[in-house]
């Protein structure tokens, strides 16, 4: 415990107004998504616009591309949830479908990471590529209300804590600790809603 306290005392946290606003809207997004509130997509749109700038400045290029994808998914997510008049039901995918997604995602993340290692000055490109590829998969799952999206997010968010902390984006690193906790709660909330609908 003393080592943790000493580490935190020696760490200079980097706080910025833009990052703080992005974090606030990101938390609002995840909480509203866990509650299946359609306004989660508006909060997502605001946060990702800010994170496009933040990630590009931090030389996290796959993450920058991911934020652009998030912006498109925020628009699509709102459209898809709204189109179903709030009646889009929580669904589950088969284990074989998840295994196929994990295999394909891992291969694509490795290839993307290899590209960024070889041809750019990207920082931590393999880890960055992993979180990027699986975040794309998971975000699509949220737009379709696939229950297991939360399990993917638990892993992604845990890895992202390290990724952002290593780039001195300390507030965002703390955000991903909160995301991990919310993702666990989100999984059980959606699971209970699915059970009650069955």
N, C-alpha and C. Protein backbone atom coordinates (compact mmCIF):
# COMPACT_ATOMS: atom_id res chain seq x y z
N UNK A 1 0.83 -1.19 0.00
CA UNK A 1 0.00 0.00 0.00
C UNK A 1 0.87 1.25 0.00
N UNK A 2 1.97 1.23 0.78
CA UNK A 2 2.86 2.39 0.83
C UNK A 2 3.47 2.68 -0.54
N UNK A 3 3.76 1.60 -1.30
CA UNK A 3 4.34 1.79 -2.63
C UNK A 3 3.37 2.50 -3.56
N UNK A 4 2.09 2.17 -3.46
CA UNK A 4 1.07 2.81 -4.30
C UNK A 4 0.95 4.29 -3.95
N UNK A 5 0.91 4.59 -2.66
CA UNK A 5 0.81 5.99 -2.21
C UNK A 5 2.04 6.77 -2.66
N UNK A 6 3.22 6.17 -2.53
CA UNK A 6 4.45 6.84 -2.96
C UNK A 6 4.44 7.08 -4.47
N UNK A 7 3.97 6.09 -5.24
CA UNK A 7 3.89 6.24 -6.70
C UNK A 7 2.97 7.41 -7.07
N UNK A 8 1.79 7.46 -6.42
CA UNK A 8 0.83 8.53 -6.73
C UNK A 8 1.37 9.90 -6.33
N UNK A 9 2.12 9.96 -5.23
CA UNK A 9 2.70 11.23 -4.79
C UNK A 9 3.76 11.73 -5.75
N UNK A 10 4.46 10.81 -6.42
CA UNK A 10 5.53 11.19 -7.34
C UNK A 10 5.02 11.45 -8.76
N UNK A 11 3.75 11.13 -9.01
CA UNK A 11 3.19 11.29 -10.35
C UNK A 11 2.56 12.66 -10.49
N UNK A 12 2.96 13.36 -11.55
CA UNK A 12 2.36 14.64 -11.85
C UNK A 12 1.22 14.42 -12.83
N UNK A 13 0.01 14.71 -12.41
CA UNK A 13 -1.14 14.48 -13.26
C UNK A 13 -1.31 15.63 -14.24
N UNK A 14 -1.66 15.27 -15.45
CA UNK A 14 -1.85 16.23 -16.52
C UNK A 14 -3.35 16.49 -16.67
N UNK A 15 -3.81 17.67 -16.28
CA UNK A 15 -5.23 18.01 -16.37
C UNK A 15 -5.41 19.08 -17.43
N UNK A 16 -6.40 18.92 -18.29
CA UNK A 16 -6.70 19.96 -19.27
C UNK A 16 -8.21 20.15 -19.34
N UNK A 17 -8.63 21.34 -19.73
CA UNK A 17 -10.05 21.67 -19.80
C UNK A 17 -10.73 20.81 -20.87
N UNK A 18 -10.09 20.69 -22.04
CA UNK A 18 -10.68 19.91 -23.14
C UNK A 18 -10.85 18.46 -22.72
N UNK A 19 -9.82 17.88 -22.11
CA UNK A 19 -9.90 16.49 -21.67
C UNK A 19 -10.96 16.32 -20.58
N UNK A 20 -11.06 17.30 -19.68
CA UNK A 20 -12.05 17.23 -18.60
C UNK A 20 -13.47 17.21 -19.15
N UNK A 21 -13.75 18.06 -20.13
CA UNK A 21 -15.09 18.10 -20.74
C UNK A 21 -15.37 16.80 -21.48
N UNK A 22 -14.35 16.29 -22.20
CA UNK A 22 -14.50 15.03 -22.93
C UNK A 22 -14.81 13.89 -21.97
N UNK A 23 -14.15 13.88 -20.83
CA UNK A 23 -14.37 12.84 -19.82
C UNK A 23 -15.79 12.91 -19.27
N UNK A 24 -16.25 14.11 -18.97
CA UNK A 24 -17.60 14.28 -18.41
C UNK A 24 -18.65 13.71 -19.37
N UNK A 25 -18.55 14.09 -20.65
CA UNK A 25 -19.53 13.60 -21.63
C UNK A 25 -19.38 12.11 -21.90
N UNK A 26 -18.16 11.59 -21.76
CA UNK A 26 -17.95 10.15 -21.93
C UNK A 26 -18.63 9.36 -20.83
N UNK A 27 -18.53 9.86 -19.60
CA UNK A 27 -19.18 9.20 -18.48
C UNK A 27 -20.70 9.25 -18.64
N UNK A 28 -21.20 10.42 -19.06
CA UNK A 28 -22.64 10.55 -19.29
C UNK A 28 -23.09 9.54 -20.34
N UNK A 29 -22.30 9.39 -21.42
CA UNK A 29 -22.64 8.45 -22.48
C UNK A 29 -22.78 7.02 -21.94
N UNK A 30 -21.78 6.56 -21.20
CA UNK A 30 -21.78 5.16 -20.75
C UNK A 30 -22.91 4.91 -19.75
N UNK A 31 -23.15 5.85 -18.86
CA UNK A 31 -24.24 5.69 -17.89
C UNK A 31 -25.58 5.62 -18.61
N UNK A 32 -25.80 6.53 -19.57
CA UNK A 32 -27.07 6.52 -20.31
C UNK A 32 -27.20 5.26 -21.17
N UNK A 33 -26.08 4.79 -21.75
CA UNK A 33 -26.13 3.56 -22.55
C UNK A 33 -26.51 2.37 -21.67
N UNK A 34 -25.95 2.31 -20.46
CA UNK A 34 -26.29 1.22 -19.55
C UNK A 34 -27.77 1.24 -19.19
N UNK A 35 -28.36 2.46 -19.19
CA UNK A 35 -29.79 2.59 -18.89
C UNK A 35 -30.65 2.52 -20.14
N UNK A 36 -30.00 2.26 -21.30
CA UNK A 36 -30.68 2.18 -22.60
C UNK A 36 -31.41 3.48 -22.94
N UNK A 37 -30.83 4.62 -22.55
CA UNK A 37 -31.39 5.94 -22.85
C UNK A 37 -30.81 6.43 -24.18
N UNK A 38 -31.66 6.78 -25.12
CA UNK A 38 -31.23 7.14 -26.47
C UNK A 38 -30.32 8.37 -26.50
N UNK A 39 -30.41 9.22 -25.48
CA UNK A 39 -29.58 10.44 -25.45
C UNK A 39 -28.11 10.13 -25.17
N UNK A 40 -27.82 8.86 -24.92
CA UNK A 40 -26.41 8.46 -24.78
C UNK A 40 -25.63 8.81 -26.04
N UNK A 41 -26.29 8.73 -27.20
CA UNK A 41 -25.61 8.97 -28.48
C UNK A 41 -25.24 10.44 -28.66
N UNK A 42 -26.03 11.37 -28.11
CA UNK A 42 -25.68 12.80 -28.18
C UNK A 42 -24.45 13.08 -27.32
N UNK A 43 -24.43 12.51 -26.13
CA UNK A 43 -23.26 12.67 -25.25
C UNK A 43 -22.03 12.07 -25.90
N UNK A 44 -22.20 10.93 -26.56
CA UNK A 44 -21.08 10.28 -27.25
C UNK A 44 -20.53 11.19 -28.34
N UNK A 45 -21.42 11.82 -29.10
CA UNK A 45 -20.99 12.71 -30.19
C UNK A 45 -20.12 13.85 -29.70
N UNK A 46 -20.51 14.46 -28.60
CA UNK A 46 -19.73 15.57 -28.04
C UNK A 46 -18.36 15.08 -27.57
N UNK A 47 -18.35 13.97 -26.84
CA UNK A 47 -17.08 13.48 -26.29
C UNK A 47 -16.11 13.06 -27.39
N UNK A 48 -16.61 12.41 -28.44
CA UNK A 48 -15.68 11.92 -29.46
C UNK A 48 -15.10 13.05 -30.31
N UNK A 49 -15.87 14.10 -30.53
CA UNK A 49 -15.32 15.25 -31.25
C UNK A 49 -14.11 15.80 -30.50
N UNK A 50 -14.23 15.88 -29.19
CA UNK A 50 -13.10 16.36 -28.37
C UNK A 50 -11.95 15.36 -28.38
N UNK A 51 -12.27 14.06 -28.33
CA UNK A 51 -11.22 13.05 -28.30
C UNK A 51 -10.50 12.89 -29.64
N UNK A 52 -11.11 13.29 -30.72
CA UNK A 52 -10.40 13.28 -32.01
C UNK A 52 -9.18 14.19 -31.89
N UNK A 53 -9.40 15.36 -31.34
CA UNK A 53 -8.30 16.32 -31.15
C UNK A 53 -7.29 15.79 -30.12
N UNK A 54 -7.77 15.29 -29.00
CA UNK A 54 -6.90 14.83 -27.92
C UNK A 54 -5.99 13.68 -28.39
N UNK A 55 -6.57 12.69 -29.05
CA UNK A 55 -5.80 11.51 -29.46
C UNK A 55 -4.80 11.85 -30.56
N UNK A 56 -5.18 12.71 -31.49
CA UNK A 56 -4.26 13.10 -32.56
C UNK A 56 -3.06 13.84 -31.97
N UNK A 57 -3.32 14.72 -31.02
CA UNK A 57 -2.25 15.48 -30.37
C UNK A 57 -1.31 14.56 -29.59
N UNK A 58 -1.86 13.47 -29.03
CA UNK A 58 -1.06 12.52 -28.25
C UNK A 58 -0.37 11.47 -29.14
N UNK A 59 -0.49 11.61 -30.45
CA UNK A 59 0.10 10.68 -31.42
C UNK A 59 -0.43 9.26 -31.27
N UNK A 60 -1.70 9.16 -30.91
CA UNK A 60 -2.38 7.87 -30.84
C UNK A 60 -3.26 7.79 -32.09
N UNK A 61 -2.64 7.48 -33.22
CA UNK A 61 -3.32 7.57 -34.51
C UNK A 61 -4.44 6.55 -34.69
N UNK A 62 -4.23 5.27 -34.32
CA UNK A 62 -5.38 4.37 -34.41
C UNK A 62 -6.55 4.83 -33.53
N UNK A 63 -6.24 5.37 -32.35
CA UNK A 63 -7.30 5.87 -31.48
C UNK A 63 -8.00 7.07 -32.11
N UNK A 64 -7.26 7.91 -32.85
CA UNK A 64 -7.86 9.05 -33.54
C UNK A 64 -8.87 8.54 -34.56
N UNK A 65 -8.45 7.55 -35.35
CA UNK A 65 -9.37 6.95 -36.31
C UNK A 65 -10.58 6.33 -35.63
N UNK A 66 -10.34 5.74 -34.46
CA UNK A 66 -11.42 5.14 -33.71
C UNK A 66 -12.45 6.19 -33.29
N UNK A 67 -11.97 7.35 -32.88
CA UNK A 67 -12.89 8.41 -32.46
C UNK A 67 -13.76 8.88 -33.63
N UNK A 68 -13.17 8.93 -34.82
CA UNK A 68 -13.95 9.28 -36.02
C UNK A 68 -15.03 8.22 -36.26
N UNK A 69 -14.65 6.95 -36.10
CA UNK A 69 -15.62 5.86 -36.22
C UNK A 69 -16.72 6.02 -35.17
N UNK A 70 -16.33 6.34 -33.92
CA UNK A 70 -17.31 6.54 -32.85
C UNK A 70 -18.33 7.61 -33.23
N UNK A 71 -17.85 8.67 -33.87
CA UNK A 71 -18.76 9.74 -34.26
C UNK A 71 -19.81 9.22 -35.24
N UNK A 72 -19.36 8.43 -36.21
CA UNK A 72 -20.31 7.83 -37.17
C UNK A 72 -21.26 6.87 -36.47
N UNK A 73 -20.75 6.11 -35.49
CA UNK A 73 -21.58 5.16 -34.77
C UNK A 73 -22.57 5.87 -33.84
N UNK A 74 -22.19 7.05 -33.33
CA UNK A 74 -23.13 7.82 -32.50
C UNK A 74 -24.34 8.22 -33.34
N UNK A 75 -24.09 8.62 -34.58
CA UNK A 75 -25.19 8.98 -35.48
C UNK A 75 -26.02 7.73 -35.82
N UNK A 76 -25.32 6.65 -36.16
CA UNK A 76 -26.03 5.40 -36.49
C UNK A 76 -26.78 4.83 -35.29
N UNK A 77 -26.14 4.86 -34.13
CA UNK A 77 -26.77 4.34 -32.91
C UNK A 77 -28.06 5.08 -32.60
N UNK A 78 -28.00 6.41 -32.70
CA UNK A 78 -29.22 7.20 -32.46
C UNK A 78 -30.30 6.82 -33.47
N UNK A 79 -29.91 6.72 -34.74
CA UNK A 79 -30.86 6.36 -35.79
C UNK A 79 -31.46 4.98 -35.54
N UNK A 80 -30.62 4.00 -35.21
CA UNK A 80 -31.09 2.62 -35.03
C UNK A 80 -31.99 2.48 -33.81
N UNK A 81 -31.61 3.13 -32.69
CA UNK A 81 -32.45 3.04 -31.50
C UNK A 81 -33.76 3.80 -31.72
N UNK A 82 -33.68 4.96 -32.38
CA UNK A 82 -34.86 5.77 -32.61
C UNK A 82 -35.82 5.10 -33.60
N UNK A 83 -35.26 4.47 -34.63
CA UNK A 83 -36.05 3.78 -35.66
C UNK A 83 -36.94 2.72 -35.05
N UNK A 84 -36.46 2.09 -33.99
CA UNK A 84 -37.22 1.03 -33.33
C UNK A 84 -38.09 1.55 -32.19
N UNK A 85 -38.23 2.89 -32.13
CA UNK A 85 -39.09 3.53 -31.13
C UNK A 85 -38.83 3.05 -29.70
N UNK A 86 -37.56 2.83 -29.39
CA UNK A 86 -37.20 2.38 -28.05
C UNK A 86 -37.53 0.92 -27.79
N UNK A 87 -37.94 0.19 -28.84
CA UNK A 87 -38.33 -1.21 -28.67
C UNK A 87 -37.27 -2.19 -29.13
N UNK A 88 -36.06 -1.71 -29.41
CA UNK A 88 -34.98 -2.60 -29.81
C UNK A 88 -34.63 -3.49 -28.62
N UNK A 89 -34.76 -4.78 -28.79
CA UNK A 89 -34.56 -5.73 -27.70
C UNK A 89 -33.08 -6.12 -27.55
N UNK A 90 -32.69 -6.39 -26.31
CA UNK A 90 -31.35 -6.89 -26.04
C UNK A 90 -31.25 -8.32 -26.56
N UNK A 91 -30.18 -8.58 -27.31
CA UNK A 91 -29.98 -9.92 -27.91
C UNK A 91 -28.62 -10.47 -27.49
N UNK A 92 -28.42 -11.76 -27.73
CA UNK A 92 -27.13 -12.41 -27.49
C UNK A 92 -26.66 -13.09 -28.77
N UNK A 93 -25.34 -13.09 -28.98
CA UNK A 93 -24.76 -13.80 -30.10
C UNK A 93 -24.23 -15.15 -29.62
N UNK A 94 -24.06 -16.08 -30.55
CA UNK A 94 -23.56 -17.41 -30.20
C UNK A 94 -22.07 -17.35 -29.84
N UNK A 95 -21.62 -18.34 -29.11
CA UNK A 95 -20.20 -18.44 -28.73
C UNK A 95 -19.33 -18.54 -29.97
N UNK A 96 -19.77 -19.28 -30.97
CA UNK A 96 -18.96 -19.43 -32.20
C UNK A 96 -18.81 -18.10 -32.92
N UNK A 97 -19.84 -17.28 -32.90
CA UNK A 97 -19.74 -15.95 -33.52
C UNK A 97 -18.73 -15.09 -32.79
N UNK A 98 -18.74 -15.15 -31.46
CA UNK A 98 -17.78 -14.38 -30.67
C UNK A 98 -16.34 -14.88 -30.91
N UNK A 99 -16.15 -16.18 -30.98
CA UNK A 99 -14.81 -16.73 -31.22
C UNK A 99 -14.28 -16.29 -32.58
N UNK A 100 -15.15 -16.27 -33.57
CA UNK A 100 -14.77 -15.81 -34.90
C UNK A 100 -14.40 -14.33 -34.88
N UNK A 101 -15.19 -13.53 -34.17
CA UNK A 101 -14.91 -12.10 -34.04
C UNK A 101 -13.58 -11.85 -33.33
N UNK A 102 -13.33 -12.61 -32.27
CA UNK A 102 -12.08 -12.44 -31.51
C UNK A 102 -10.88 -12.82 -32.36
N UNK A 103 -10.99 -13.91 -33.11
CA UNK A 103 -9.90 -14.33 -33.99
C UNK A 103 -9.64 -13.30 -35.08
N UNK A 104 -10.69 -12.88 -35.77
CA UNK A 104 -10.54 -11.89 -36.84
C UNK A 104 -10.03 -10.56 -36.29
N UNK A 105 -10.57 -10.14 -35.14
CA UNK A 105 -10.14 -8.90 -34.52
C UNK A 105 -8.68 -8.93 -34.11
N UNK A 106 -8.23 -10.06 -33.58
CA UNK A 106 -6.82 -10.20 -33.16
C UNK A 106 -5.88 -10.12 -34.35
N UNK A 107 -6.25 -10.79 -35.43
CA UNK A 107 -5.41 -10.75 -36.64
C UNK A 107 -5.34 -9.33 -37.19
N UNK A 108 -6.49 -8.68 -37.27
CA UNK A 108 -6.53 -7.32 -37.81
C UNK A 108 -5.77 -6.35 -36.90
N UNK A 109 -5.89 -6.52 -35.57
CA UNK A 109 -5.17 -5.65 -34.64
C UNK A 109 -3.66 -5.82 -34.80
N UNK A 110 -3.20 -7.07 -34.98
CA UNK A 110 -1.77 -7.32 -35.18
C UNK A 110 -1.28 -6.65 -36.47
N UNK A 111 -2.04 -6.81 -37.55
CA UNK A 111 -1.64 -6.22 -38.83
C UNK A 111 -1.63 -4.69 -38.77
N UNK A 112 -2.62 -4.13 -38.11
CA UNK A 112 -2.67 -2.68 -37.95
C UNK A 112 -1.50 -2.20 -37.11
N UNK A 113 -1.24 -2.91 -36.00
CA UNK A 113 -0.12 -2.54 -35.14
C UNK A 113 1.20 -2.62 -35.88
N UNK A 114 1.39 -3.68 -36.69
CA UNK A 114 2.61 -3.83 -37.48
C UNK A 114 2.79 -2.65 -38.44
N UNK A 115 1.70 -2.23 -39.07
CA UNK A 115 1.77 -1.09 -39.99
C UNK A 115 2.23 0.16 -39.24
N UNK A 116 1.61 0.43 -38.10
CA UNK A 116 1.94 1.66 -37.37
C UNK A 116 3.34 1.60 -36.75
N UNK A 117 3.82 0.40 -36.39
CA UNK A 117 5.20 0.25 -35.92
C UNK A 117 6.18 0.57 -37.04
N UNK A 118 5.89 0.08 -38.23
CA UNK A 118 6.81 0.17 -39.36
C UNK A 118 6.81 1.54 -40.03
N UNK A 119 5.65 2.16 -40.15
CA UNK A 119 5.54 3.32 -41.03
C UNK A 119 5.19 4.64 -40.35
N UNK A 120 4.98 4.64 -39.04
CA UNK A 120 4.62 5.90 -38.37
C UNK A 120 5.39 6.05 -37.06
N UNK A 121 5.19 7.22 -36.44
CA UNK A 121 5.79 7.48 -35.13
C UNK A 121 4.76 7.23 -34.03
N UNK A 122 3.77 6.40 -34.31
CA UNK A 122 2.71 6.09 -33.36
C UNK A 122 3.29 5.51 -32.07
N UNK A 123 2.71 5.90 -30.96
CA UNK A 123 3.14 5.41 -29.65
C UNK A 123 2.31 4.19 -29.25
N UNK A 124 2.98 3.16 -28.76
CA UNK A 124 2.34 1.92 -28.30
C UNK A 124 1.35 1.39 -29.35
N UNK A 125 1.79 1.20 -30.58
CA UNK A 125 0.86 0.88 -31.67
C UNK A 125 0.14 -0.46 -31.55
N UNK A 126 0.76 -1.48 -30.96
CA UNK A 126 0.08 -2.78 -30.86
C UNK A 126 -1.08 -2.68 -29.88
N UNK A 127 -0.83 -2.10 -28.72
CA UNK A 127 -1.89 -1.93 -27.73
C UNK A 127 -2.97 -1.00 -28.27
N UNK A 128 -2.54 0.09 -28.89
CA UNK A 128 -3.46 1.06 -29.48
C UNK A 128 -4.34 0.38 -30.54
N UNK A 129 -3.74 -0.46 -31.36
CA UNK A 129 -4.49 -1.15 -32.40
C UNK A 129 -5.48 -2.15 -31.81
N UNK A 130 -5.05 -2.85 -30.75
CA UNK A 130 -5.95 -3.80 -30.08
C UNK A 130 -7.20 -3.10 -29.57
N UNK A 131 -7.02 -2.00 -28.83
CA UNK A 131 -8.18 -1.30 -28.28
C UNK A 131 -9.03 -0.70 -29.39
N UNK A 132 -8.38 -0.26 -30.46
CA UNK A 132 -9.12 0.33 -31.58
C UNK A 132 -10.01 -0.70 -32.27
N UNK A 133 -9.41 -1.82 -32.66
CA UNK A 133 -10.17 -2.85 -33.40
C UNK A 133 -11.32 -3.39 -32.57
N UNK A 134 -11.05 -3.73 -31.32
CA UNK A 134 -12.12 -4.32 -30.52
C UNK A 134 -13.15 -3.30 -30.06
N UNK A 135 -12.76 -2.03 -30.00
CA UNK A 135 -13.74 -0.98 -29.70
C UNK A 135 -14.71 -0.80 -30.86
N UNK A 136 -14.20 -0.95 -32.09
CA UNK A 136 -15.07 -0.88 -33.27
C UNK A 136 -16.11 -2.00 -33.20
N UNK A 137 -15.64 -3.20 -32.92
CA UNK A 137 -16.55 -4.35 -32.82
C UNK A 137 -17.58 -4.12 -31.71
N UNK A 138 -17.11 -3.67 -30.56
CA UNK A 138 -17.99 -3.51 -29.40
C UNK A 138 -18.99 -2.38 -29.60
N UNK A 139 -18.56 -1.30 -30.23
CA UNK A 139 -19.47 -0.18 -30.47
C UNK A 139 -20.61 -0.60 -31.39
N UNK A 140 -20.27 -1.37 -32.42
CA UNK A 140 -21.32 -1.88 -33.31
C UNK A 140 -22.30 -2.74 -32.51
N UNK A 141 -21.76 -3.54 -31.59
CA UNK A 141 -22.62 -4.39 -30.76
C UNK A 141 -23.57 -3.56 -29.90
N UNK A 142 -23.09 -2.40 -29.40
CA UNK A 142 -23.96 -1.52 -28.61
C UNK A 142 -25.11 -1.01 -29.46
N UNK A 143 -24.80 -0.60 -30.71
CA UNK A 143 -25.86 -0.06 -31.58
C UNK A 143 -26.93 -1.10 -31.86
N UNK A 144 -26.57 -2.38 -31.79
CA UNK A 144 -27.51 -3.48 -32.03
C UNK A 144 -28.05 -4.07 -30.73
N UNK A 145 -27.63 -3.52 -29.60
CA UNK A 145 -28.01 -4.00 -28.27
C UNK A 145 -27.68 -5.48 -28.07
N UNK A 146 -26.42 -5.82 -28.34
CA UNK A 146 -25.93 -7.17 -28.09
C UNK A 146 -25.37 -7.20 -26.67
N UNK A 147 -25.91 -8.06 -25.84
CA UNK A 147 -25.56 -8.10 -24.41
C UNK A 147 -24.07 -8.18 -24.16
N UNK A 148 -23.36 -9.03 -24.91
CA UNK A 148 -21.94 -9.28 -24.62
C UNK A 148 -21.03 -8.10 -24.90
N UNK A 149 -21.55 -7.03 -25.48
CA UNK A 149 -20.71 -5.86 -25.71
C UNK A 149 -20.02 -5.41 -24.43
N UNK A 150 -20.72 -5.55 -23.31
CA UNK A 150 -20.16 -5.11 -22.02
C UNK A 150 -18.96 -5.95 -21.60
N UNK A 151 -18.96 -7.23 -21.95
CA UNK A 151 -17.81 -8.08 -21.61
C UNK A 151 -16.58 -7.66 -22.41
N UNK A 152 -16.80 -7.32 -23.67
CA UNK A 152 -15.70 -6.80 -24.50
C UNK A 152 -15.17 -5.50 -23.89
N UNK A 153 -16.10 -4.62 -23.50
CA UNK A 153 -15.68 -3.32 -22.96
C UNK A 153 -14.87 -3.47 -21.67
N UNK A 154 -15.19 -4.44 -20.86
CA UNK A 154 -14.43 -4.63 -19.61
C UNK A 154 -12.95 -4.86 -19.94
N UNK A 155 -12.68 -5.71 -20.92
CA UNK A 155 -11.28 -5.98 -21.32
C UNK A 155 -10.67 -4.75 -21.97
N UNK A 156 -11.37 -4.14 -22.92
CA UNK A 156 -10.86 -2.97 -23.63
C UNK A 156 -10.56 -1.83 -22.66
N UNK A 157 -11.49 -1.57 -21.76
CA UNK A 157 -11.32 -0.45 -20.82
C UNK A 157 -10.14 -0.69 -19.88
N UNK A 158 -9.95 -1.92 -19.45
CA UNK A 158 -8.82 -2.23 -18.57
C UNK A 158 -7.49 -1.98 -19.29
N UNK A 159 -7.38 -2.42 -20.53
CA UNK A 159 -6.16 -2.19 -21.31
C UNK A 159 -5.97 -0.70 -21.58
N UNK A 160 -7.08 0.01 -21.81
CA UNK A 160 -7.01 1.45 -22.11
C UNK A 160 -6.49 2.27 -20.94
N UNK A 161 -6.70 1.78 -19.71
CA UNK A 161 -6.16 2.49 -18.54
C UNK A 161 -4.65 2.65 -18.71
N UNK A 162 -3.98 1.56 -19.06
CA UNK A 162 -2.53 1.59 -19.28
C UNK A 162 -2.17 2.46 -20.48
N UNK A 163 -2.91 2.30 -21.58
CA UNK A 163 -2.61 3.03 -22.81
C UNK A 163 -2.61 4.54 -22.58
N UNK A 164 -3.65 5.05 -21.98
CA UNK A 164 -3.76 6.50 -21.79
C UNK A 164 -2.82 7.01 -20.70
N UNK A 165 -2.62 6.22 -19.66
CA UNK A 165 -1.70 6.65 -18.61
C UNK A 165 -0.29 6.78 -19.16
N UNK A 166 0.08 5.88 -20.04
CA UNK A 166 1.43 5.90 -20.61
C UNK A 166 1.67 7.12 -21.50
N UNK A 167 0.58 7.76 -21.98
CA UNK A 167 0.69 8.95 -22.82
C UNK A 167 0.40 10.22 -22.01
N UNK A 168 0.44 10.11 -20.68
CA UNK A 168 0.20 11.23 -19.77
C UNK A 168 -1.19 11.83 -19.88
N UNK A 169 -2.13 11.03 -20.32
CA UNK A 169 -3.54 11.43 -20.33
C UNK A 169 -4.19 10.82 -19.09
N UNK A 170 -3.80 11.39 -17.93
CA UNK A 170 -4.15 10.79 -16.66
C UNK A 170 -5.65 10.82 -16.36
N UNK A 171 -6.29 11.92 -16.71
CA UNK A 171 -7.71 12.02 -16.46
C UNK A 171 -8.47 10.99 -17.29
N UNK A 172 -8.05 10.80 -18.53
CA UNK A 172 -8.67 9.79 -19.38
C UNK A 172 -8.40 8.38 -18.84
N UNK A 173 -7.22 8.18 -18.29
CA UNK A 173 -6.90 6.90 -17.67
C UNK A 173 -7.85 6.61 -16.51
N UNK A 174 -8.11 7.62 -15.69
CA UNK A 174 -9.08 7.47 -14.61
C UNK A 174 -10.48 7.21 -15.16
N UNK A 175 -10.80 7.87 -16.28
CA UNK A 175 -12.08 7.64 -16.94
C UNK A 175 -12.26 6.17 -17.28
N UNK A 176 -11.20 5.53 -17.78
CA UNK A 176 -11.32 4.13 -18.19
C UNK A 176 -11.40 3.18 -16.99
N UNK A 177 -10.92 3.62 -15.84
CA UNK A 177 -11.18 2.84 -14.62
C UNK A 177 -12.68 2.89 -14.31
N UNK A 178 -13.24 4.10 -14.43
CA UNK A 178 -14.68 4.26 -14.21
C UNK A 178 -15.47 3.48 -15.25
N UNK A 179 -15.02 3.54 -16.51
CA UNK A 179 -15.67 2.78 -17.59
C UNK A 179 -15.74 1.29 -17.26
N UNK A 180 -14.64 0.76 -16.73
CA UNK A 180 -14.59 -0.66 -16.40
C UNK A 180 -15.67 -1.02 -15.39
N UNK A 181 -15.80 -0.18 -14.38
CA UNK A 181 -16.82 -0.40 -13.34
C UNK A 181 -18.22 -0.29 -13.93
N UNK A 182 -18.44 0.75 -14.77
CA UNK A 182 -19.75 0.96 -15.38
C UNK A 182 -20.08 -0.19 -16.33
N UNK A 183 -19.05 -0.71 -17.05
CA UNK A 183 -19.28 -1.82 -17.98
C UNK A 183 -19.75 -3.07 -17.23
N UNK A 184 -19.18 -3.30 -16.06
CA UNK A 184 -19.62 -4.44 -15.24
C UNK A 184 -21.08 -4.25 -14.84
N UNK A 185 -21.40 -3.03 -14.38
CA UNK A 185 -22.79 -2.73 -14.00
C UNK A 185 -23.71 -2.80 -15.21
N UNK A 186 -23.23 -2.29 -16.35
CA UNK A 186 -24.03 -2.31 -17.58
C UNK A 186 -24.38 -3.72 -18.01
N UNK A 187 -23.42 -4.63 -17.89
CA UNK A 187 -23.67 -6.02 -18.26
C UNK A 187 -24.80 -6.61 -17.43
N UNK A 188 -24.75 -6.42 -16.12
CA UNK A 188 -25.77 -7.00 -15.26
C UNK A 188 -27.13 -6.30 -15.43
N UNK A 189 -27.09 -4.99 -15.70
CA UNK A 189 -28.35 -4.27 -15.96
C UNK A 189 -29.03 -4.80 -17.21
N UNK A 190 -28.23 -4.95 -18.30
CA UNK A 190 -28.81 -5.46 -19.55
C UNK A 190 -29.23 -6.93 -19.39
N UNK A 191 -28.44 -7.69 -18.66
CA UNK A 191 -28.78 -9.11 -18.44
C UNK A 191 -30.11 -9.23 -17.70
N UNK A 192 -30.31 -8.40 -16.69
CA UNK A 192 -31.57 -8.42 -15.94
C UNK A 192 -32.74 -7.98 -16.81
N UNK A 193 -32.51 -6.96 -17.67
CA UNK A 193 -33.57 -6.50 -18.57
C UNK A 193 -33.92 -7.57 -19.59
N UNK A 194 -32.88 -8.28 -20.07
CA UNK A 194 -33.13 -9.34 -21.04
C UNK A 194 -33.91 -10.48 -20.39
N UNK A 195 -33.53 -10.82 -19.16
CA UNK A 195 -34.20 -11.90 -18.44
C UNK A 195 -35.66 -11.55 -18.19
N UNK A 196 -35.91 -10.28 -17.81
CA UNK A 196 -37.28 -9.88 -17.51
C UNK A 196 -38.14 -9.82 -18.77
N UNK A 197 -37.50 -9.58 -19.94
CA UNK A 197 -38.24 -9.54 -21.19
C UNK A 197 -38.57 -10.93 -21.71
N UNK A 198 -37.78 -11.93 -21.26
CA UNK A 198 -37.94 -13.29 -21.80
C UNK A 198 -39.21 -13.93 -21.31
